[in-house]
N, C-alpha and C. Protein backbone atom coordinates (compact mmCIF):
# COMPACT_ATOMS: atom_id res chain seq x y z
N MET A 1 -46.13 142.69 -158.04
CA MET A 1 -46.79 141.98 -159.11
C MET A 1 -46.49 142.68 -160.43
N VAL A 2 -46.27 141.93 -161.46
CA VAL A 2 -45.99 142.44 -162.79
C VAL A 2 -47.28 142.94 -163.43
N ASP A 3 -47.20 144.09 -164.08
CA ASP A 3 -48.30 144.61 -164.87
C ASP A 3 -47.93 144.50 -166.34
N SER A 4 -48.80 143.87 -167.12
CA SER A 4 -48.58 143.71 -168.55
C SER A 4 -49.06 144.94 -169.30
N ILE A 5 -48.33 145.29 -170.36
CA ILE A 5 -48.65 146.44 -171.20
C ILE A 5 -49.02 145.93 -172.60
N TYR A 6 -50.22 146.27 -173.04
CA TYR A 6 -50.68 146.01 -174.40
C TYR A 6 -50.99 147.38 -175.00
N ALA A 7 -50.07 147.89 -175.79
CA ALA A 7 -50.16 149.28 -176.26
C ALA A 7 -51.08 149.42 -177.46
N LYS A 8 -51.94 150.41 -177.39
CA LYS A 8 -52.79 150.75 -178.53
C LYS A 8 -51.90 151.27 -179.66
N GLY A 9 -52.14 150.79 -180.85
CA GLY A 9 -51.38 151.25 -182.00
C GLY A 9 -50.09 150.48 -182.25
N ALA A 10 -49.74 149.56 -181.36
CA ALA A 10 -48.54 148.75 -181.54
C ALA A 10 -48.94 147.35 -181.99
N ALA A 11 -48.11 146.74 -182.81
CA ALA A 11 -48.36 145.38 -183.26
C ALA A 11 -48.34 144.44 -182.04
N GLN A 12 -49.26 143.50 -182.04
CA GLN A 12 -49.33 142.53 -180.96
C GLN A 12 -48.69 141.23 -181.40
N HIS A 13 -48.27 140.44 -180.43
CA HIS A 13 -47.63 139.15 -180.71
C HIS A 13 -48.67 138.09 -181.01
N VAL A 14 -48.30 137.10 -181.80
CA VAL A 14 -49.17 135.98 -182.10
C VAL A 14 -49.34 135.13 -180.84
N ASN A 15 -48.26 134.93 -180.10
CA ASN A 15 -48.31 134.18 -178.85
C ASN A 15 -48.86 135.08 -177.75
N PRO A 16 -49.26 134.51 -176.61
CA PRO A 16 -49.85 135.31 -175.53
C PRO A 16 -48.78 136.09 -174.75
N VAL A 17 -48.22 137.10 -175.43
CA VAL A 17 -47.10 137.88 -174.90
C VAL A 17 -47.46 139.36 -174.97
N PRO A 18 -47.33 140.11 -173.87
CA PRO A 18 -47.61 141.55 -173.92
C PRO A 18 -46.51 142.30 -174.64
N ASN A 19 -46.78 143.56 -174.97
CA ASN A 19 -45.74 144.41 -175.56
C ASN A 19 -44.63 144.70 -174.56
N ALA A 20 -44.99 144.77 -173.28
CA ALA A 20 -44.01 145.06 -172.23
C ALA A 20 -44.57 144.63 -170.89
N ALA A 21 -43.70 144.63 -169.90
CA ALA A 21 -44.12 144.37 -168.53
C ALA A 21 -43.43 145.38 -167.63
N VAL A 22 -44.14 145.76 -166.56
CA VAL A 22 -43.61 146.72 -165.59
C VAL A 22 -43.65 146.09 -164.21
N HIS A 23 -42.56 146.26 -163.48
CA HIS A 23 -42.49 145.79 -162.10
C HIS A 23 -41.57 146.72 -161.31
N ARG A 24 -42.09 147.26 -160.22
CA ARG A 24 -41.32 148.13 -159.34
C ARG A 24 -40.58 149.25 -160.08
N GLY A 25 -41.27 149.86 -161.02
CA GLY A 25 -40.71 151.00 -161.72
C GLY A 25 -39.77 150.66 -162.87
N ILE A 26 -39.62 149.38 -163.19
CA ILE A 26 -38.79 148.96 -164.32
C ILE A 26 -39.70 148.43 -165.41
N LEU A 27 -39.54 148.96 -166.61
CA LEU A 27 -40.27 148.48 -167.78
C LEU A 27 -39.30 147.75 -168.69
N VAL A 28 -39.71 146.57 -169.15
CA VAL A 28 -38.94 145.81 -170.13
C VAL A 28 -39.90 145.41 -171.24
N THR A 29 -39.54 145.72 -172.47
CA THR A 29 -40.41 145.34 -173.58
C THR A 29 -40.15 143.89 -173.95
N SER A 30 -41.15 143.31 -174.58
CA SER A 30 -40.94 142.08 -175.32
C SER A 30 -40.29 142.52 -176.63
N GLY A 31 -40.11 141.64 -177.57
CA GLY A 31 -39.58 142.06 -178.85
C GLY A 31 -40.53 143.05 -179.51
N VAL A 32 -40.03 144.22 -179.84
CA VAL A 32 -40.82 145.21 -180.58
C VAL A 32 -40.54 144.93 -182.05
N LEU A 33 -41.60 144.57 -182.76
CA LEU A 33 -41.47 143.99 -184.08
C LEU A 33 -41.68 144.99 -185.21
N GLY A 34 -41.13 144.66 -186.35
CA GLY A 34 -41.32 145.47 -187.55
C GLY A 34 -42.55 145.03 -188.32
N LYS A 35 -43.66 144.88 -187.58
CA LYS A 35 -44.94 144.50 -188.19
C LYS A 35 -45.83 145.72 -188.33
N ASP A 36 -46.65 145.69 -189.35
CA ASP A 36 -47.68 146.71 -189.50
C ASP A 36 -48.73 146.45 -188.43
N PRO A 37 -48.98 147.42 -187.55
CA PRO A 37 -49.95 147.20 -186.47
C PRO A 37 -51.37 146.90 -186.95
N LYS A 38 -51.72 147.36 -188.16
CA LYS A 38 -53.07 147.15 -188.67
C LYS A 38 -53.25 145.75 -189.26
N THR A 39 -52.23 145.26 -189.96
CA THR A 39 -52.35 143.96 -190.63
C THR A 39 -51.72 142.83 -189.82
N GLY A 40 -50.78 143.16 -188.94
CA GLY A 40 -50.07 142.13 -188.19
C GLY A 40 -49.01 141.43 -189.01
N GLU A 41 -48.74 141.93 -190.21
CA GLU A 41 -47.76 141.33 -191.10
C GLU A 41 -46.44 142.09 -191.04
N TYR A 42 -45.34 141.35 -191.20
CA TYR A 42 -44.04 142.00 -191.28
C TYR A 42 -43.95 142.80 -192.57
N ALA A 43 -43.35 143.97 -192.49
CA ALA A 43 -43.06 144.75 -193.70
C ALA A 43 -42.10 143.94 -194.56
N GLN A 44 -42.20 144.10 -195.87
CA GLN A 44 -41.34 143.33 -196.76
C GLN A 44 -39.89 143.81 -196.73
N GLU A 45 -39.70 145.12 -196.62
CA GLU A 45 -38.36 145.69 -196.65
C GLU A 45 -37.79 145.82 -195.23
N THR A 46 -36.51 145.53 -195.07
CA THR A 46 -35.86 145.63 -193.77
C THR A 46 -35.95 147.05 -193.23
N ALA A 47 -35.72 148.05 -194.07
CA ALA A 47 -35.77 149.44 -193.61
C ALA A 47 -37.14 149.79 -193.05
N GLU A 48 -38.19 149.25 -193.65
CA GLU A 48 -39.55 149.50 -193.18
C GLU A 48 -39.80 148.78 -191.85
N GLN A 49 -39.26 147.59 -191.68
CA GLN A 49 -39.39 146.89 -190.40
C GLN A 49 -38.71 147.69 -189.29
N ILE A 50 -37.55 148.22 -189.58
CA ILE A 50 -36.82 149.02 -188.58
C ILE A 50 -37.61 150.27 -188.24
N ARG A 51 -38.15 150.95 -189.24
CA ARG A 51 -38.95 152.16 -189.00
C ARG A 51 -40.16 151.84 -188.13
N LEU A 52 -40.87 150.77 -188.48
CA LEU A 52 -42.07 150.40 -187.73
C LEU A 52 -41.75 150.09 -186.27
N ALA A 53 -40.68 149.36 -186.04
CA ALA A 53 -40.32 149.02 -184.66
C ALA A 53 -39.98 150.27 -183.86
N PHE A 54 -39.18 151.16 -184.43
CA PHE A 54 -38.82 152.40 -183.73
C PHE A 54 -40.03 153.31 -183.52
N GLU A 55 -40.99 153.28 -184.43
CA GLU A 55 -42.21 154.09 -184.26
C GLU A 55 -43.13 153.53 -183.17
N GLN A 56 -43.10 152.22 -183.00
CA GLN A 56 -43.97 151.60 -182.00
C GLN A 56 -43.41 151.71 -180.58
N LEU A 57 -42.10 151.82 -180.45
CA LEU A 57 -41.50 151.90 -179.12
C LEU A 57 -42.09 153.03 -178.28
N PRO A 58 -42.19 154.28 -178.78
CA PRO A 58 -42.78 155.34 -177.95
C PRO A 58 -44.24 155.07 -177.55
N LEU A 59 -44.99 154.36 -178.41
CA LEU A 59 -46.37 154.01 -178.07
C LEU A 59 -46.42 153.06 -176.87
N ILE A 60 -45.51 152.10 -176.88
CA ILE A 60 -45.44 151.13 -175.78
C ILE A 60 -45.01 151.83 -174.50
N LEU A 61 -44.00 152.68 -174.59
CA LEU A 61 -43.53 153.42 -173.42
C LEU A 61 -44.64 154.31 -172.87
N ALA A 62 -45.35 155.00 -173.74
CA ALA A 62 -46.40 155.93 -173.31
C ALA A 62 -47.52 155.20 -172.58
N GLU A 63 -47.81 153.99 -172.98
CA GLU A 63 -48.86 153.22 -172.31
C GLU A 63 -48.54 153.01 -170.83
N ALA A 64 -47.26 153.05 -170.49
CA ALA A 64 -46.82 152.89 -169.09
C ALA A 64 -46.48 154.23 -168.44
N GLY A 65 -46.74 155.33 -169.15
CA GLY A 65 -46.43 156.65 -168.61
C GLY A 65 -44.97 157.03 -168.75
N ALA A 66 -44.29 156.43 -169.70
CA ALA A 66 -42.87 156.69 -169.93
C ALA A 66 -42.67 157.28 -171.32
N GLY A 67 -41.44 157.67 -171.61
CA GLY A 67 -41.07 158.16 -172.92
C GLY A 67 -39.66 157.74 -173.24
N PRO A 68 -39.17 158.09 -174.43
CA PRO A 68 -37.81 157.71 -174.81
C PRO A 68 -36.74 158.14 -173.80
N GLN A 69 -36.96 159.27 -173.12
CA GLN A 69 -35.98 159.75 -172.15
C GLN A 69 -35.84 158.81 -170.95
N ASP A 70 -36.77 157.88 -170.76
CA ASP A 70 -36.73 156.95 -169.64
C ASP A 70 -36.02 155.64 -169.98
N VAL A 71 -35.68 155.45 -171.25
CA VAL A 71 -35.01 154.22 -171.68
C VAL A 71 -33.54 154.27 -171.26
N VAL A 72 -33.08 153.19 -170.62
CA VAL A 72 -31.68 153.11 -170.20
C VAL A 72 -30.87 152.12 -171.03
N LYS A 73 -31.56 151.20 -171.72
CA LYS A 73 -30.85 150.20 -172.54
C LYS A 73 -31.72 149.79 -173.70
N LEU A 74 -31.13 149.67 -174.86
CA LEU A 74 -31.81 149.22 -176.06
C LEU A 74 -30.98 148.12 -176.68
N ASP A 75 -31.60 146.98 -176.94
CA ASP A 75 -30.95 145.89 -177.67
C ASP A 75 -31.59 145.81 -179.04
N LEU A 76 -30.77 145.81 -180.07
CA LEU A 76 -31.23 145.73 -181.45
C LEU A 76 -30.84 144.36 -182.00
N TYR A 77 -31.81 143.65 -182.55
CA TYR A 77 -31.59 142.32 -183.09
C TYR A 77 -31.79 142.35 -184.60
N PHE A 78 -30.72 142.09 -185.32
CA PHE A 78 -30.71 142.17 -186.79
C PHE A 78 -30.51 140.79 -187.40
N ALA A 79 -31.19 140.52 -188.49
CA ALA A 79 -30.87 139.35 -189.30
C ALA A 79 -29.52 139.59 -189.98
N ASP A 80 -29.24 140.84 -190.33
CA ASP A 80 -27.98 141.24 -190.94
C ASP A 80 -27.47 142.48 -190.20
N ARG A 81 -26.40 142.33 -189.48
CA ARG A 81 -25.88 143.42 -188.64
C ARG A 81 -25.49 144.66 -189.47
N GLN A 82 -25.29 144.49 -190.75
CA GLN A 82 -24.96 145.64 -191.61
C GLN A 82 -26.12 146.64 -191.68
N ASP A 83 -27.29 146.23 -191.26
CA ASP A 83 -28.46 147.12 -191.27
C ASP A 83 -28.45 148.12 -190.10
N ARG A 84 -27.39 148.09 -189.30
CA ARG A 84 -27.30 149.06 -188.19
C ARG A 84 -27.35 150.49 -188.70
N ALA A 85 -26.79 150.76 -189.86
CA ALA A 85 -26.81 152.12 -190.40
C ALA A 85 -28.23 152.63 -190.60
N ILE A 86 -29.15 151.74 -190.97
CA ILE A 86 -30.55 152.13 -191.13
C ILE A 86 -31.13 152.51 -189.77
N ALA A 87 -30.81 151.74 -188.76
CA ALA A 87 -31.33 151.99 -187.41
C ALA A 87 -30.80 153.29 -186.83
N ASN A 88 -29.61 153.69 -187.21
CA ASN A 88 -29.01 154.91 -186.63
C ASN A 88 -29.87 156.15 -186.87
N HIS A 89 -30.50 156.25 -188.01
CA HIS A 89 -31.38 157.39 -188.31
C HIS A 89 -32.50 157.48 -187.28
N HIS A 90 -33.14 156.37 -186.99
CA HIS A 90 -34.26 156.35 -186.04
C HIS A 90 -33.76 156.54 -184.60
N TRP A 91 -32.61 156.00 -184.32
CA TRP A 91 -31.96 156.18 -183.01
C TRP A 91 -31.72 157.67 -182.74
N GLU A 92 -31.16 158.35 -183.71
CA GLU A 92 -30.86 159.78 -183.54
C GLU A 92 -32.14 160.63 -183.50
N ARG A 93 -33.21 160.18 -184.12
CA ARG A 93 -34.48 160.90 -184.06
C ARG A 93 -35.07 160.80 -182.66
N LEU A 94 -35.02 159.61 -182.04
CA LEU A 94 -35.55 159.45 -180.69
C LEU A 94 -34.65 160.05 -179.62
N TRP A 95 -33.34 159.99 -179.86
CA TRP A 95 -32.37 160.51 -178.89
C TRP A 95 -31.38 161.43 -179.61
N PRO A 96 -31.82 162.66 -179.93
CA PRO A 96 -30.96 163.56 -180.70
C PRO A 96 -29.74 164.08 -179.94
N ASP A 97 -29.82 164.12 -178.63
CA ASP A 97 -28.72 164.65 -177.82
C ASP A 97 -27.77 163.53 -177.43
N PRO A 98 -26.53 163.53 -177.94
CA PRO A 98 -25.58 162.46 -177.61
C PRO A 98 -25.30 162.34 -176.12
N ALA A 99 -25.54 163.38 -175.37
CA ALA A 99 -25.29 163.34 -173.92
C ALA A 99 -26.42 162.67 -173.15
N HIS A 100 -27.52 162.33 -173.84
CA HIS A 100 -28.68 161.75 -173.16
C HIS A 100 -29.28 160.59 -173.94
N ARG A 101 -28.40 159.69 -174.36
CA ARG A 101 -28.83 158.49 -175.08
C ARG A 101 -28.69 157.27 -174.16
N PRO A 102 -29.56 156.28 -174.35
CA PRO A 102 -29.43 155.05 -173.57
C PRO A 102 -28.25 154.22 -174.07
N ALA A 103 -27.88 153.24 -173.27
CA ALA A 103 -26.90 152.26 -173.73
C ALA A 103 -27.54 151.46 -174.86
N ARG A 104 -26.71 150.92 -175.73
CA ARG A 104 -27.24 150.19 -176.88
C ARG A 104 -26.32 149.06 -177.25
N GLN A 105 -26.91 147.95 -177.67
CA GLN A 105 -26.12 146.83 -178.14
C GLN A 105 -26.80 146.23 -179.35
N ALA A 106 -26.03 145.95 -180.40
CA ALA A 106 -26.55 145.33 -181.62
C ALA A 106 -26.15 143.86 -181.65
N HIS A 107 -27.10 143.03 -182.04
CA HIS A 107 -26.88 141.59 -182.12
C HIS A 107 -27.27 141.10 -183.51
N GLN A 108 -26.48 140.20 -184.08
CA GLN A 108 -26.91 139.52 -185.30
C GLN A 108 -27.42 138.16 -184.87
N VAL A 109 -28.67 137.87 -185.22
CA VAL A 109 -29.34 136.65 -184.76
C VAL A 109 -30.15 136.02 -185.89
N SER A 110 -30.52 134.79 -185.67
CA SER A 110 -31.45 134.13 -186.58
C SER A 110 -32.86 134.47 -186.11
N LEU A 111 -33.60 135.17 -186.94
CA LEU A 111 -34.96 135.59 -186.60
C LEU A 111 -35.97 134.74 -187.34
N PRO A 112 -37.17 134.59 -186.78
CA PRO A 112 -38.16 133.71 -187.41
C PRO A 112 -38.79 134.29 -188.67
N ARG A 113 -39.11 133.41 -189.59
CA ARG A 113 -39.87 133.73 -190.80
C ARG A 113 -39.41 135.01 -191.49
N ALA A 114 -40.33 135.93 -191.72
CA ALA A 114 -40.04 137.15 -192.47
C ALA A 114 -39.45 138.26 -191.60
N CYS A 115 -39.22 137.99 -190.34
CA CYS A 115 -38.67 139.00 -189.42
C CYS A 115 -37.21 139.27 -189.75
N ARG A 116 -36.88 140.56 -189.93
CA ARG A 116 -35.51 140.97 -190.23
C ARG A 116 -34.90 141.81 -189.10
N PHE A 117 -35.78 142.28 -188.17
CA PHE A 117 -35.33 143.19 -187.11
C PHE A 117 -36.34 143.20 -185.96
N GLN A 118 -35.82 143.31 -184.77
CA GLN A 118 -36.65 143.62 -183.61
C GLN A 118 -35.79 144.30 -182.56
N LEU A 119 -36.44 144.98 -181.65
CA LEU A 119 -35.69 145.63 -180.58
C LEU A 119 -36.33 145.32 -179.24
N VAL A 120 -35.54 145.44 -178.20
CA VAL A 120 -35.98 145.25 -176.82
C VAL A 120 -35.44 146.42 -176.02
N ALA A 121 -36.31 147.04 -175.23
CA ALA A 121 -35.90 148.21 -174.43
C ALA A 121 -36.13 147.95 -172.95
N MET A 122 -35.31 148.60 -172.14
CA MET A 122 -35.49 148.62 -170.71
C MET A 122 -35.56 150.09 -170.29
N ALA A 123 -36.57 150.42 -169.48
CA ALA A 123 -36.75 151.80 -169.04
C ALA A 123 -37.02 151.84 -167.54
N VAL A 124 -36.66 152.96 -166.95
CA VAL A 124 -36.94 153.20 -165.54
C VAL A 124 -38.02 154.27 -165.48
N LEU A 125 -39.12 153.94 -164.81
CA LEU A 125 -40.25 154.86 -164.72
C LEU A 125 -40.07 155.83 -163.56
């Protein structure tokens, strides 16, 4: 049976969607958004949305007893793929050792409303 994760301190979705789900030791996040967890609003600046999403990921992982070291794949969704350089700073902060980083893929997509960035992670518990 799937267990839903609603992480304290992480922005919640407007729709009835958890921050993540866990099944048989595999955690998969929903879209981790660049929203302010207190207001539920997207940050105005893309760099701030990216920072917020990367800051919320460890909170979501911790709620399931995991950490960044348990992530095996990260998908980054950008309104403008040129913003990957902004994400690299946060990527290197979470995974400073190049020998122990998860797989990663960047996608340029059409995102809703004020959303400029979101990420999705898969982790093994």
